[in-house]
Amino acid sequence: MKRVALTVALVVMGGLVLAAQRGEILEQILVKVNGDIITKTELEQRQIGALRQRDPNFRPDTDTELQKALGEVTPDVIVNAIDELLLVQRGRELGYALGTEQFQGIVDNIKKENKIETEEQFQAALKQEGLTLDDLRRQIERQMLVSRVQQVEVAGKISVSEDDVKKYYAENRDSFTTQPQLTLREILITVPTTEQGVNVAADDAARARAEEIRQRLEAGEPFAQLASDVSESGSKANGGLIGPIARTDLSPELLKEVDPLNVGQLTRVLRTTRGYQIIKLETRTEQKVKTVDEARPEIADRLAADKQRDHMLGYLRQLRTQAIIDWKNDEIKKAYDLGVKQQLSDVP
């Protein structure tokens, strides 16, 4: 089936078209936010980015398939676009700006990280991305303004008290409990099978070989080296190493064999569905519960992140309420209202 060009289908959505008047291409405005505009082209770029982020290999076969995907991403896309614009405007109100020296320092870092040595190479890289130097500066300044506002107006006003930490620890103690873990090594000797099943003689031979290998281990040969030499399991590449794995991930039958072992000891030769195995207990980590002091940094990070998310949503709601938003496209307005509703429903 003929694949649909993404940009063509985007034009269809909501009747967003470019008009040519007086020999100039006029960009359609979708919405004005405190006088600043969001255009059809900007929305398309954000839609494409959202679709690619969701599925880098997305290639719609039909208009219907593409329209469905756009309907799913556009509510978030337009909400994020307006929120970002509101934060940029707030940053400018607070007097933040990207200085020339600061911008040049960022450009120098970009060149260094990408091993760009000449100005010609840098200009070629910008052209490849469809950017001019002024475009790059605007992008970086927007990111800087958003980040500064989030840090100063939201994150900088968040605190986590000791009572918050203790309460969270008491309610989520299990999440700070480390389950018992084991690290094992194995040597496997497989038993050949035929259409008639397992040959008794072959089974006896495999068992005898496994018993001989165990005797060599008891005599002091290094388990990892012997596993690499004789084991028929894929773990031989790592000297027979398995794990660390949760104790509960082992079968009850194997636990009966492993639990009584001290670190460094071997099981007897075990008959399993895979053949004959010898298991060594390499390490054992018992269950441990972090104290509140040990868990404090992790708890503080979790609580701060939760508070920052909630404060950020409240801050954005305030900016939206105070803003003058003039919609020029009813379909995009509907998508925005849906996106805001979905955002609220996602708040715990």
Protein backbone atom coordinates (compact mmCIF):
# COMPACT_ATOMS: atom_id res chain seq x y z
CA MET A 1 0.00 0.00 0.00
CA LYS A 2 1.29 3.44 -0.86
CA ARG A 3 2.74 5.15 2.18
CA VAL A 4 1.39 8.56 3.10
CA ALA A 5 3.81 11.46 3.31
CA LEU A 6 3.76 12.75 6.87
CA THR A 7 3.96 16.42 6.04
CA VAL A 8 1.17 16.20 3.46
CA ALA A 9 -1.20 14.60 5.94
CA LEU A 10 -0.33 17.16 8.58
CA VAL A 11 -1.49 19.88 6.22
CA VAL A 12 -4.88 18.18 5.97
CA MET A 13 -5.46 18.32 9.72
CA GLY A 14 -7.78 21.17 10.62
CA GLY A 15 -7.50 22.71 7.19
CA LEU A 16 -4.13 24.24 8.03
CA VAL A 17 -2.81 25.60 4.73
CA LEU A 18 -0.34 28.20 3.55
CA ALA A 19 -1.77 30.97 1.43
CA ALA A 20 0.19 32.83 -1.22
CA GLN A 21 -0.68 36.51 -1.45
CA ARG A 22 1.17 39.26 -3.26
CA GLY A 23 3.91 36.78 -4.09
CA GLU A 24 4.63 36.10 -0.40
CA ILE A 25 3.93 32.98 1.62
CA LEU A 26 1.77 33.86 4.61
CA GLU A 27 1.96 31.62 7.66
CA GLN A 28 -1.32 30.66 9.25
CA ILE A 29 -1.60 31.63 12.90
CA LEU A 30 -3.32 29.05 15.11
CA VAL A 31 -3.36 30.93 18.40
CA LYS A 32 -2.08 34.12 19.98
CA VAL A 33 -0.84 33.96 23.56
CA ASN A 34 -0.44 37.41 25.11
CA GLY A 35 0.27 38.66 21.61
CA ASP A 36 2.87 36.01 20.73
CA ILE A 37 1.85 33.52 18.07
CA ILE A 38 2.01 29.79 17.47
CA THR A 39 1.90 28.99 13.78
CA LYS A 40 0.85 26.03 11.73
CA THR A 41 4.48 25.28 10.84
CA GLU A 42 5.57 25.24 14.48
CA LEU A 43 2.72 22.89 15.35
CA GLU A 44 3.67 20.58 12.47
CA GLN A 45 7.28 20.44 13.63
CA ARG A 46 6.18 19.59 17.14
CA GLN A 47 3.73 16.96 15.90
CA ILE A 48 6.41 15.29 13.82
CA GLY A 49 8.80 15.35 16.78
CA ALA A 50 6.16 13.81 19.05
CA LEU A 51 5.36 11.05 16.57
CA ARG A 52 9.02 10.21 16.07
CA GLN A 53 9.65 10.22 19.81
CA ARG A 54 6.76 7.84 20.35
CA ASP A 55 7.88 5.54 17.54
CA PRO A 56 11.04 6.34 15.53
CA ASN A 57 9.95 3.79 12.91
CA PHE A 58 6.40 5.14 12.48
CA ARG A 59 5.40 5.01 8.81
CA PRO A 60 1.62 5.34 8.31
CA ASP A 61 0.10 3.37 5.45
CA THR A 62 -3.12 5.38 5.21
CA ASP A 63 -4.50 8.84 5.96
CA THR A 64 -6.75 7.24 8.58
CA GLU A 65 -3.80 5.73 10.41
CA LEU A 66 -1.92 9.02 10.42
CA GLN A 67 -4.92 11.06 11.52
CA LYS A 68 -5.46 8.66 14.41
CA ALA A 69 -1.83 9.05 15.51
CA LEU A 70 -2.05 12.84 15.23
CA GLY A 71 -5.23 12.87 17.24
CA GLU A 72 -3.39 11.04 20.01
CA VAL A 73 -0.33 13.32 20.19
CA THR A 74 -1.76 16.75 19.32
CA PRO A 75 -3.49 17.48 22.67
CA ASP A 76 -0.20 17.13 24.56
CA VAL A 77 1.72 18.90 21.81
CA ILE A 78 -0.42 22.05 21.82
CA VAL A 79 -0.62 22.20 25.63
CA ASN A 80 3.17 21.91 25.86
CA ALA A 81 3.65 24.55 23.16
CA ILE A 82 1.46 27.07 24.97
CA ASP A 83 2.95 26.27 28.39
CA GLU A 84 6.45 26.74 27.01
CA LEU A 85 5.48 30.08 25.49
CA LEU A 86 3.99 31.23 28.80
CA LEU A 87 7.19 30.29 30.62
CA VAL A 88 9.31 32.11 28.03
CA GLN A 89 7.15 35.22 28.44
CA ARG A 90 7.43 34.99 32.22
CA GLY A 91 11.19 34.68 31.95
CA ARG A 92 11.35 37.87 29.91
CA GLU A 93 9.13 39.64 32.46
CA LEU A 94 11.62 38.66 35.15
CA GLY A 95 14.45 40.13 33.10
CA TYR A 96 16.20 36.96 32.05
CA ALA A 97 18.06 37.01 28.75
CA LEU A 98 20.77 35.10 26.94
CA GLY A 99 23.89 37.26 26.84
CA THR A 100 26.26 37.33 23.88
CA GLU A 101 29.16 35.87 25.86
CA GLN A 102 26.92 33.18 27.34
CA PHE A 103 25.66 32.22 23.89
CA GLN A 104 29.17 32.12 22.48
CA GLY A 105 30.25 29.84 25.33
CA ILE A 106 27.40 27.46 24.50
CA VAL A 107 28.34 27.51 20.82
CA ASP A 108 31.97 26.76 21.70
CA ASN A 109 30.83 23.77 23.78
CA ILE A 110 28.67 22.53 20.90
CA LYS A 111 31.65 22.73 18.56
CA LYS A 112 33.88 20.94 21.07
CA GLU A 113 31.41 18.13 21.80
CA ASN A 114 30.84 17.54 18.08
CA LYS A 115 34.53 17.92 17.16
CA ILE A 116 33.83 20.86 14.88
CA GLU A 117 37.09 22.67 14.28
CA THR A 118 36.27 25.43 11.77
CA GLU A 119 33.54 27.99 11.28
CA GLU A 120 32.83 26.52 7.85
CA GLN A 121 32.15 23.11 9.43
CA PHE A 122 29.87 24.73 12.00
CA GLN A 123 27.87 26.58 9.35
CA ALA A 124 27.57 23.36 7.34
CA ALA A 125 26.27 21.54 10.44
CA LEU A 126 23.68 24.27 11.03
CA LYS A 127 22.57 24.09 7.41
CA GLN A 128 22.20 20.32 7.65
CA GLU A 129 19.81 20.83 10.59
CA GLY A 130 17.91 23.52 8.69
CA LEU A 131 19.05 26.23 11.11
CA THR A 132 20.72 29.60 10.97
CA LEU A 133 22.82 31.01 13.79
CA ASP A 134 19.89 33.25 14.78
CA ASP A 135 17.59 30.19 14.86
CA LEU A 136 20.02 28.40 17.14
CA ARG A 137 20.23 31.38 19.46
CA ARG A 138 16.44 31.63 19.70
CA GLN A 139 16.17 27.92 20.52
CA ILE A 140 18.83 28.09 23.20
CA GLU A 141 17.36 31.25 24.71
CA ARG A 142 13.90 29.68 24.91
CA GLN A 143 15.34 26.64 26.67
CA MET A 144 17.29 28.88 29.05
CA LEU A 145 14.27 31.03 29.90
CA VAL A 146 12.08 27.99 30.57
CA SER A 147 14.75 26.40 32.74
CA ARG A 148 15.39 29.56 34.77
CA VAL A 149 11.71 30.14 35.45
CA GLN A 150 11.20 26.52 36.50
CA GLN A 151 14.20 26.70 38.81
CA VAL A 152 13.50 30.09 40.40
CA GLU A 153 9.71 30.17 40.45
CA VAL A 154 9.06 26.50 41.24
CA ALA A 155 11.99 24.27 42.23
CA GLY A 156 13.65 26.99 44.31
CA LYS A 157 10.56 27.32 46.46
CA ILE A 158 10.22 23.63 47.31
CA SER A 159 11.41 22.19 50.60
CA VAL A 160 11.22 18.72 52.10
CA SER A 161 10.89 18.57 55.88
CA GLU A 162 12.14 15.87 58.23
CA ASP A 163 8.53 15.01 59.04
CA ASP A 164 7.89 14.51 55.31
CA VAL A 165 10.82 12.11 55.10
CA LYS A 166 9.78 10.08 58.15
CA LYS A 167 6.17 9.86 57.02
CA TYR A 168 7.18 8.67 53.54
CA TYR A 169 9.59 6.12 55.01
CA ALA A 170 6.92 4.70 57.33
CA GLU A 171 4.42 4.37 54.47
CA ASN A 172 6.88 2.91 51.95
CA ARG A 173 9.23 0.81 54.08
CA ASP A 174 8.99 -2.15 51.69
CA SER A 175 10.53 -0.11 48.87
CA PHE A 176 13.68 0.28 50.97
CA THR A 177 13.98 -3.45 51.60
CA THR A 178 16.61 -5.34 49.62
CA GLN A 179 15.52 -8.90 48.89
CA PRO A 180 17.95 -11.80 49.39
CA GLN A 181 20.12 -12.41 46.35
CA LEU A 182 22.42 -15.20 45.26
CA THR A 183 25.25 -15.40 42.80
CA LEU A 184 25.91 -18.90 41.49
CA ARG A 185 28.24 -20.67 39.14
CA GLU A 186 27.22 -23.72 37.14
CA ILE A 187 28.72 -26.50 35.11
CA LEU A 188 26.32 -28.34 32.83
CA ILE A 189 26.84 -31.66 31.13
CA THR A 190 24.03 -32.26 28.68
CA VAL A 191 22.48 -35.63 27.91
CA PRO A 192 22.02 -36.42 24.20
CA THR A 193 18.48 -37.31 23.17
CA THR A 194 17.06 -39.15 20.20
CA GLU A 195 13.58 -39.55 18.72
CA GLN A 196 13.12 -42.44 21.14
CA GLY A 197 14.09 -40.29 24.11
CA VAL A 198 17.14 -40.45 26.38
CA ASN A 199 19.54 -43.29 25.84
CA VAL A 200 20.31 -44.93 29.17
CA ALA A 201 23.96 -45.47 28.32
CA ALA A 202 24.34 -41.82 27.25
CA ASP A 203 22.68 -40.69 30.47
CA ASP A 204 25.02 -42.84 32.57
CA ALA A 205 28.03 -41.48 30.68
CA ALA A 206 26.97 -37.88 31.25
CA ARG A 207 26.45 -38.52 34.94
CA ALA A 208 29.82 -40.19 35.28
CA ARG A 209 31.49 -37.26 33.56
CA ALA A 210 29.73 -34.79 35.88
CA GLU A 211 30.81 -36.79 38.94
CA GLU A 212 34.41 -36.77 37.69
CA ILE A 213 34.26 -32.98 37.19
CA ARG A 214 32.91 -32.53 40.71
CA GLN A 215 35.82 -34.53 42.09
CA ARG A 216 38.21 -32.25 40.25
CA LEU A 217 36.48 -29.25 41.80
CA GLU A 218 36.75 -30.78 45.25
CA ALA A 219 40.43 -31.34 44.59
CA GLY A 220 40.87 -27.61 44.12
CA GLU A 221 40.58 -26.85 40.40
CA PRO A 222 39.15 -23.34 39.85
CA PHE A 223 35.42 -23.53 39.15
CA ALA A 224 35.41 -20.63 36.65
CA GLN A 225 38.23 -22.12 34.61
CA LEU A 226 36.74 -25.58 34.60
CA ALA A 227 33.32 -24.20 33.64
CA SER A 228 34.90 -22.38 30.71
CA ASP A 229 36.63 -25.58 29.59
CA VAL A 230 33.95 -28.25 29.99
CA SER A 231 30.51 -26.76 30.65
CA GLU A 232 27.90 -27.08 27.91
CA SER A 233 25.83 -24.12 29.10
CA GLY A 234 25.91 -20.65 27.58
CA SER A 235 27.16 -19.36 30.92
CA LYS A 236 30.56 -20.95 30.22
CA ALA A 237 31.56 -17.68 28.53
CA ASN A 238 31.44 -16.07 31.98
CA GLY A 239 33.02 -18.93 33.86
CA GLY A 240 29.60 -20.38 34.63
CA LEU A 241 28.47 -17.23 36.41
CA ILE A 242 24.73 -16.79 37.04
CA GLY A 243 23.36 -13.72 38.74
CA PRO A 244 23.09 -12.02 41.05
CA ILE A 245 19.49 -13.24 41.09
CA ALA A 246 16.71 -13.00 43.64
CA ARG A 247 16.47 -16.04 45.86
CA THR A 248 12.77 -16.27 45.03
CA ASP A 249 13.62 -16.69 41.33
CA LEU A 250 15.06 -20.16 41.98
CA SER A 251 12.87 -23.22 41.77
CA PRO A 252 11.90 -24.87 45.06
CA GLU A 253 13.95 -27.93 44.10
CA LEU A 254 17.10 -25.90 43.52
CA LEU A 255 16.55 -23.87 46.69
CA LYS A 256 16.61 -27.10 48.69
CA GLU A 257 20.06 -27.77 47.30
CA VAL A 258 21.46 -24.25 47.55
CA ASP A 259 20.05 -22.96 50.85
CA PRO A 260 22.16 -25.24 53.08
CA LEU A 261 25.40 -24.24 51.31
CA ASN A 262 27.97 -21.85 52.67
CA VAL A 263 29.61 -19.46 50.22
CA GLY A 264 32.14 -21.43 48.16
CA GLN A 265 30.48 -24.83 48.62
CA LEU A 266 29.15 -27.08 45.85
CA THR A 267 25.92 -28.95 45.39
CA ARG A 268 25.94 -32.61 44.63
CA VAL A 269 25.57 -33.57 40.96
CA LEU A 270 21.99 -32.64 40.11
CA ARG A 271 19.82 -34.21 37.43
CA THR A 272 17.75 -31.51 35.73
CA THR A 273 15.82 -31.22 32.50
CA ARG A 274 18.97 -29.70 30.98
CA GLY A 275 21.24 -32.57 31.96
CA TYR A 276 23.60 -32.93 34.94
CA GLN A 277 24.53 -29.78 36.82
CA ILE A 278 26.97 -28.81 39.51
CA ILE A 279 26.19 -25.54 41.29
CA LYS A 280 28.55 -23.44 43.38
CA LEU A 281 27.31 -20.74 45.75
CA GLU A 282 29.46 -17.75 44.86
CA THR A 283 27.87 -15.04 47.05
CA ARG A 284 24.82 -14.62 49.24
CA THR A 285 23.23 -11.29 50.15
CA GLU A 286 20.69 -11.43 52.96
CA GLN A 287 17.59 -9.28 53.14
CA LYS A 288 18.38 -5.78 54.33
CA VAL A 289 16.15 -2.88 55.25
CA LYS A 290 17.65 0.59 54.83
CA THR A 291 17.38 2.80 57.88
CA VAL A 292 15.62 6.13 57.52
CA ASP A 293 19.04 7.81 57.60
CA GLU A 294 20.31 5.61 54.76
CA ALA A 295 17.14 6.21 52.75
CA ARG A 296 16.91 9.96 53.42
CA PRO A 297 18.64 11.20 50.20
CA GLU A 298 16.51 8.94 48.01
CA ILE A 299 13.31 9.91 49.84
CA ALA A 300 14.14 13.61 49.61
CA ASP A 301 14.66 13.29 45.85
CA ARG A 302 11.36 11.45 45.38
CA LEU A 303 9.39 13.94 47.47
CA ALA A 304 11.04 16.94 45.82
CA ALA A 305 10.23 15.54 42.36
CA ASP A 306 6.58 14.96 43.34
CA LYS A 307 6.26 18.42 44.86
CA GLN A 308 7.94 20.04 41.90
CA ARG A 309 5.54 18.33 39.48
CA ASP A 310 2.51 19.43 41.51
CA HIS A 311 3.81 22.99 41.98
CA MET A 312 4.67 23.23 38.30
CA LEU A 313 1.15 22.24 37.26
CA GLY A 314 -0.30 24.79 39.66
CA TYR A 315 2.08 27.46 38.40
CA LEU A 316 1.15 26.75 34.79
CA ARG A 317 -2.56 26.85 35.61
CA GLN A 318 -2.00 30.30 37.12
CA LEU A 319 -0.15 31.51 34.02
CA ARG A 320 -2.91 30.15 31.77
CA THR A 321 -5.61 31.88 33.82
CA GLN A 322 -3.80 35.21 33.61
CA ALA A 323 -3.00 34.90 29.91
CA ILE A 324 -4.98 36.32 27.01
CA ILE A 325 -5.32 33.37 24.64
CA ASP A 326 -6.90 34.17 21.27
CA TRP A 327 -7.73 31.05 19.28
CA LYS A 328 -7.75 31.18 15.48
CA ASN A 329 -8.55 27.51 14.88
CA ASP A 330 -11.43 25.69 16.56
CA GLU A 331 -10.01 22.19 16.06
CA ILE A 332 -6.74 23.08 17.75
CA LYS A 333 -8.69 24.73 20.59
CA LYS A 334 -10.58 21.46 21.10
CA ALA A 335 -7.28 19.55 21.14
CA TYR A 336 -5.91 21.98 23.72
CA ASP A 337 -8.95 21.60 26.00
CA LEU A 338 -8.61 17.81 25.75
CA GLY A 339 -4.89 18.01 26.57
CA VAL A 340 -5.53 20.11 29.69
CA LYS A 341 -8.24 17.68 30.80
CA GLN A 342 -5.90 14.71 30.30
CA GLN A 343 -3.14 16.48 32.21
CA LEU A 344 -5.43 17.03 35.20
CA SER A 345 -6.61 13.42 35.14
CA ASP A 346 -3.01 12.23 35.30
CA VAL A 347 -2.34 14.06 38.58
CA PRO A 348 -2.38 11.56 41.48
